[in-house]
Amino acid sequence: MILRNRPTQYGYGWLIALLISVNFLGCDGLLRTKKSQPTAPVSGKVLVGDQPVANAKVLFLPFHSSDGRYRYSYAKTNEEGRFTMRFESGVYGAYVGKHLVLISTCEIAETSDSDERTDEELVHPETVSTKFNKASELIIDVDPGGNSDVIFQVELVGEAPQP
């Protein structure tokens, strides 16, 4: 039998189609099992002393992700300072594992296209100390079973630390 280095009557089209199919099925396609990051319910309160902080935004930024996606979860406190974390998709919870926590009361008018904000554009100025938002070192470890009744004790701008 003599092997020839030339295409068959069908050309190399079948080989290209096979490679595309294998690539589709194996690389993020049907044969690959995607790992989903486990989530758990998280709820709690934001307080200053024993007083609730209403309309505060709570943001969880995950440190690690098993699926390569780092989706944050967020919440807004009600009048009693209570919150329940959720994802942008509307699914409630947060990823299991460690998160950096940011808490802010600042609201900005949505009429400006500028990245630079002026005091006139603030609907509500920041009242929570920067050590809970811009310079936050607040960490939470979300348990696989969830975290309920989490209490975040914050300080207000210009307030002395509580003992």
Protein backbone atom coordinates (compact mmCIF):
# COMPACT_ATOMS: atom_id res chain seq x y z
CA MET A 1 0.00 0.00 0.00
CA ILE A 2 1.35 3.36 -0.97
CA LEU A 3 0.55 6.33 1.25
CA ARG A 4 0.24 9.58 -0.56
CA ASN A 5 0.48 13.03 0.88
CA ARG A 6 -2.55 14.49 -0.84
CA PRO A 7 -6.15 15.16 0.07
CA THR A 8 -8.81 12.56 -0.57
CA GLN A 9 -11.70 13.29 -2.88
CA TYR A 10 -13.36 15.16 0.00
CA GLY A 11 -10.29 17.30 0.71
CA TYR A 12 -9.34 18.32 4.21
CA GLY A 13 -12.81 19.66 5.00
CA TRP A 14 -13.73 16.61 7.06
CA LEU A 15 -10.61 17.02 9.19
CA ILE A 16 -11.35 20.70 9.83
CA ALA A 17 -14.97 19.87 10.72
CA LEU A 18 -13.77 17.17 13.12
CA LEU A 19 -11.31 19.53 14.84
CA ILE A 20 -13.98 22.22 15.21
CA SER A 21 -16.41 19.68 16.67
CA VAL A 22 -13.88 18.35 19.17
CA ASN A 23 -12.94 21.90 20.14
CA PHE A 24 -16.61 22.82 20.62
CA LEU A 25 -17.41 19.73 22.65
CA GLY A 26 -14.29 19.77 24.79
CA CYS A 27 -13.46 23.43 25.39
CA ASP A 28 -16.30 24.94 27.34
CA GLY A 29 -18.70 22.94 25.23
CA LEU A 30 -21.00 20.00 25.85
CA LEU A 31 -18.46 17.51 27.20
CA ARG A 32 -16.91 19.86 29.74
CA THR A 33 -18.51 19.92 33.15
CA LYS A 34 -18.53 23.45 34.45
CA LYS A 35 -17.79 23.90 38.13
CA SER A 36 -20.22 26.24 39.73
CA GLN A 37 -19.17 28.23 42.75
CA PRO A 38 -21.29 27.18 45.74
CA THR A 39 -23.45 29.90 47.23
CA ALA A 40 -25.13 30.30 50.60
CA PRO A 41 -27.72 32.69 52.06
CA VAL A 42 -26.39 35.71 53.98
CA SER A 43 -28.47 38.21 55.93
CA GLY A 44 -27.92 40.55 58.82
CA LYS A 45 -27.87 44.14 60.06
CA VAL A 46 -25.73 47.25 59.78
CA LEU A 47 -25.58 49.20 63.04
CA VAL A 48 -23.92 52.22 64.63
CA GLY A 49 -23.91 51.26 68.26
CA ASP A 50 -27.42 49.90 68.71
CA GLN A 51 -28.97 52.14 66.03
CA PRO A 52 -29.75 50.74 62.55
CA VAL A 53 -28.19 52.28 59.45
CA ALA A 54 -30.95 52.64 56.84
CA ASN A 55 -30.34 52.70 53.07
CA ALA A 56 -26.73 51.54 53.32
CA LYS A 57 -25.30 49.57 50.45
CA VAL A 58 -23.47 46.37 51.42
CA LEU A 59 -21.12 44.84 48.87
CA PHE A 60 -19.31 41.47 49.13
CA LEU A 61 -16.25 41.08 46.86
CA PRO A 62 -15.06 37.43 46.79
CA PHE A 63 -11.35 36.66 47.19
CA HIS A 64 -11.48 33.33 45.30
CA SER A 65 -13.66 31.74 42.65
CA SER A 66 -13.64 28.10 41.57
CA ASP A 67 -15.24 28.89 38.21
CA GLY A 68 -12.96 31.82 37.31
CA ARG A 69 -15.75 34.34 37.66
CA TYR A 70 -15.72 36.89 40.43
CA ARG A 71 -19.31 38.01 40.74
CA TYR A 72 -20.01 40.27 43.66
CA SER A 73 -23.14 40.15 45.76
CA TYR A 74 -24.86 43.16 47.24
CA ALA A 75 -27.75 44.40 49.35
CA LYS A 76 -29.37 47.60 50.56
CA THR A 77 -30.45 47.93 54.16
CA ASN A 78 -34.05 48.69 55.09
CA GLU A 79 -35.21 51.12 57.79
CA GLU A 80 -34.26 48.56 60.48
CA GLY A 81 -30.73 48.19 59.04
CA ARG A 82 -31.51 44.66 57.79
CA PHE A 83 -30.11 43.27 54.54
CA THR A 84 -30.14 40.06 52.48
CA MET A 85 -27.31 39.53 50.01
CA ARG A 86 -28.03 38.74 46.35
CA PHE A 87 -26.36 38.64 42.97
CA GLU A 88 -27.11 40.97 40.07
CA SER A 89 -29.06 38.10 38.47
CA GLY A 90 -31.53 38.28 41.36
CA VAL A 91 -30.39 35.01 42.96
CA TYR A 92 -30.11 35.45 46.72
CA GLY A 93 -26.91 34.63 48.58
CA ALA A 94 -23.15 35.05 48.28
CA TYR A 95 -20.31 32.76 47.27
CA VAL A 96 -19.02 30.46 49.99
CA GLY A 97 -15.62 31.68 51.19
CA LYS A 98 -13.90 34.92 52.14
CA HIS A 99 -15.09 38.32 50.94
CA LEU A 100 -14.02 41.91 51.35
CA VAL A 101 -17.03 43.85 52.67
CA LEU A 102 -17.78 47.44 51.65
CA ILE A 103 -20.54 49.47 53.32
CA SER A 104 -21.60 52.89 52.05
CA THR A 105 -24.48 55.35 52.40
CA CYS A 106 -23.36 57.61 49.54
CA GLU A 107 -25.79 58.04 46.64
CA ILE A 108 -24.90 59.85 43.45
CA ALA A 109 -27.33 61.46 41.02
CA GLU A 110 -27.46 59.47 37.80
CA THR A 111 -27.60 62.51 35.54
CA SER A 112 -23.86 63.01 35.15
CA ASP A 113 -21.69 61.25 32.59
CA SER A 114 -18.50 62.47 34.25
CA ASP A 115 -16.21 60.29 36.32
CA GLU A 116 -15.50 63.33 38.49
CA ARG A 117 -18.27 63.93 41.03
CA THR A 118 -19.15 67.22 42.63
CA ASP A 119 -20.94 67.77 45.92
CA GLU A 120 -24.02 68.99 44.01
CA GLU A 121 -24.35 65.57 42.38
CA LEU A 122 -24.59 63.74 45.70
CA VAL A 123 -28.15 62.74 46.54
CA HIS A 124 -26.94 61.54 49.93
CA PRO A 125 -23.37 62.16 51.16
CA GLU A 126 -21.26 59.44 52.73
CA THR A 127 -21.90 59.08 56.45
CA VAL A 128 -20.05 55.80 57.05
CA SER A 129 -16.33 56.05 57.84
CA THR A 130 -13.97 55.28 54.93
CA LYS A 131 -12.54 52.32 56.85
CA PHE A 132 -15.75 50.48 55.90
CA ASN A 133 -15.75 51.42 52.20
CA LYS A 134 -12.81 53.07 50.39
CA ALA A 135 -10.23 51.71 52.85
CA SER A 136 -12.18 48.69 54.05
CA GLU A 137 -10.40 45.79 55.70
CA LEU A 138 -13.67 44.21 56.82
CA ILE A 139 -13.71 40.50 55.95
CA ILE A 140 -16.51 37.94 56.14
CA ASP A 141 -16.18 34.19 55.64
CA VAL A 142 -19.43 32.87 54.17
CA ASP A 143 -20.12 29.38 55.53
CA PRO A 144 -21.51 26.60 53.28
CA GLY A 145 -24.65 26.54 55.46
CA GLY A 146 -25.05 30.31 55.17
CA ASN A 147 -24.69 33.20 57.58
CA SER A 148 -27.78 34.66 59.19
CA ASP A 149 -27.95 37.51 61.66
CA VAL A 150 -24.55 38.93 60.66
CA ILE A 151 -23.96 42.21 62.48
CA PHE A 152 -21.71 44.86 60.95
CA GLN A 153 -20.85 47.56 63.49
CA VAL A 154 -19.79 50.69 61.58
CA GLU A 155 -18.62 54.14 62.58
CA LEU A 156 -19.89 57.39 61.13
CA VAL A 157 -17.65 59.99 59.49
CA GLY A 158 -15.84 61.97 62.18
CA GLU A 159 -17.04 59.67 64.97
CA ALA A 160 -14.63 58.36 67.59
CA PRO A 161 -14.25 54.55 67.66
CA GLN A 162 -16.68 52.73 69.96
CA PRO A 163 -14.98 50.77 72.81
